[in-house]
């Protein structure tokens, strides 16, 4: 699937926690962990499971940088 977002990071799902409405997805990207809240329906449609290889796509209006 083609996608215009440039910030696409390959990772592996470490955990998927399904709630009533939302899903908390934890993805290991290199030495870092990225957490995402998506709808439970989306998590189920994608059939997300621990160990799955995924792409984390970051699309934001703001990116902050901190030093020190």
C-alpha atoms as a PDB file:
ATOM      1  CA  UNK A   1       0.000   0.000   0.000  1.00  0.00           C
ATOM      2  CA  UNK A   2       1.468   3.341  -1.019  1.00  0.00           C
ATOM      3  CA  UNK A   3       1.478   6.018   1.667  1.00  0.00           C
ATOM      4  CA  UNK A   4       2.613   9.648   1.510  1.00  0.00           C
ATOM      5  CA  UNK A   5       3.916   9.814   5.111  1.00  0.00           C
ATOM      6  CA  UNK A   6       7.717   9.794   5.164  1.00  0.00           C
ATOM      7  CA  UNK A   7       8.251   8.802   8.798  1.00  0.00           C
ATOM      8  CA  UNK A   8       7.768   5.043   8.556  1.00  0.00           C
ATOM      9  CA  UNK A   9       9.653   2.909  11.062  1.00  0.00           C
ATOM     10  CA  UNK A  10       9.825  -0.904  10.969  1.00  0.00           C
ATOM     11  CA  UNK A  11       9.186  -2.611  14.290  1.00  0.00           C
ATOM     12  CA  UNK A  12       7.873  -5.653  16.109  1.00  0.00           C
ATOM     13  CA  UNK A  13       4.782  -5.657  18.305  1.00  0.00           C
ATOM     14  CA  UNK A  14       5.682  -6.330  21.947  1.00  0.00           C
ATOM     15  CA  UNK A  15       2.137  -6.198  23.323  1.00  0.00           C
ATOM     16  CA  UNK A  16      -1.460  -5.487  22.373  1.00  0.00           C
ATOM     17  CA  UNK A  17      -3.863  -4.632  25.187  1.00  0.00           C
ATOM     18  CA  UNK A  18      -7.486  -4.564  24.099  1.00  0.00           C
ATOM     19  CA  UNK A  19      -9.942  -2.374  25.977  1.00  0.00           C
ATOM     20  CA  UNK A  20     -13.671  -1.955  25.412  1.00  0.00           C
ATOM     21  CA  UNK A  21     -13.183   0.746  22.771  1.00  0.00           C
ATOM     22  CA  UNK A  22      -9.423   1.348  22.387  1.00  0.00           C
ATOM     23  CA  UNK A  23      -6.318  -0.820  21.950  1.00  0.00           C
ATOM     24  CA  UNK A  24      -2.907   0.014  23.420  1.00  0.00           C
ATOM     25  CA  UNK A  25      -0.219  -1.227  21.020  1.00  0.00           C
ATOM     26  CA  UNK A  26       3.439  -1.340  22.063  1.00  0.00           C
ATOM     27  CA  UNK A  27       6.002  -1.624  19.256  1.00  0.00           C
ATOM     28  CA  UNK A  28       9.771  -2.113  19.591  1.00  0.00           C
ATOM     29  CA  UNK A  29      11.612  -0.014  16.997  1.00  0.00           C
ATOM     30  CA  UNK A  30      15.340  -0.679  17.285  1.00  0.00           C
ATOM     31  CA  UNK A  31      16.383   0.215  20.831  1.00  0.00           C
ATOM     32  CA  UNK A  32      13.207   2.265  21.338  1.00  0.00           C
ATOM     33  CA  UNK A  33       9.586   1.587  22.208  1.00  0.00           C
ATOM     34  CA  UNK A  34       6.677   3.381  20.584  1.00  0.00           C
ATOM     35  CA  UNK A  35       3.194   3.222  22.077  1.00  0.00           C
ATOM     36  CA  UNK A  36       0.029   3.895  20.131  1.00  0.00           C
ATOM     37  CA  UNK A  37      -3.637   4.087  21.036  1.00  0.00           C
ATOM     38  CA  UNK A  38      -5.890   2.970  18.198  1.00  0.00           C
ATOM     39  CA  UNK A  39      -9.471   1.814  18.069  1.00  0.00           C
ATOM     40  CA  UNK A  40     -10.117  -1.756  19.137  1.00  0.00           C
ATOM     41  CA  UNK A  41     -11.903  -2.280  15.802  1.00  0.00           C
ATOM     42  CA  UNK A  42      -8.740  -1.253  13.892  1.00  0.00           C
ATOM     43  CA  UNK A  43      -6.554  -3.570  15.981  1.00  0.00           C
ATOM     44  CA  UNK A  44      -8.943  -6.432  15.313  1.00  0.00           C
ATOM     45  CA  UNK A  45      -9.233  -5.613  11.584  1.00  0.00           C
ATOM     46  CA  UNK A  46      -5.410  -5.648  11.329  1.00  0.00           C
ATOM     47  CA  UNK A  47      -5.276  -8.831  13.453  1.00  0.00           C
ATOM     48  CA  UNK A  48      -2.412  -7.336  15.498  1.00  0.00           C
ATOM     49  CA  UNK A  49      -0.553  -9.825  17.672  1.00  0.00           C
ATOM     50  CA  UNK A  50       2.632  -9.933  19.738  1.00  0.00           C
ATOM     51  CA  UNK A  51       5.595 -10.693  17.475  1.00  0.00           C
ATOM     52  CA  UNK A  52       4.025  -9.266  14.300  1.00  0.00           C
ATOM     53  CA  UNK A  53       6.291  -7.192  12.067  1.00  0.00           C
ATOM     54  CA  UNK A  54       4.662  -3.813  11.441  1.00  0.00           C
ATOM     55  CA  UNK A  55       5.419  -0.324  10.188  1.00  0.00           C
ATOM     56  CA  UNK A  56       4.922   2.548  12.643  1.00  0.00           C
ATOM     57  CA  UNK A  57       3.835   5.589  10.644  1.00  0.00           C
ATOM     58  CA  UNK A  58       4.282   8.977  12.308  1.00  0.00           C
ATOM     59  CA  UNK A  59       2.322  11.901  10.914  1.00  0.00           C
ATOM     60  CA  UNK A  60       2.259  14.940  13.174  1.00  0.00           C
ATOM     61  CA  UNK A  61       1.789  18.672  12.937  1.00  0.00           C
ATOM     62  CA  UNK A  62       4.457  19.180  15.611  1.00  0.00           C
ATOM     63  CA  UNK A  63       7.768  17.507  16.338  1.00  0.00           C
ATOM     64  CA  UNK A  64       9.583  18.649  19.456  1.00  0.00           C
ATOM     65  CA  UNK A  65      13.316  18.310  20.141  1.00  0.00           C
ATOM     66  CA  UNK A  66      14.905  18.537  23.549  1.00  0.00           C
ATOM     67  CA  UNK A  67      18.608  18.640  24.353  1.00  0.00           C
ATOM     68  CA  UNK A  68      20.095  17.793  27.712  1.00  0.00           C
END
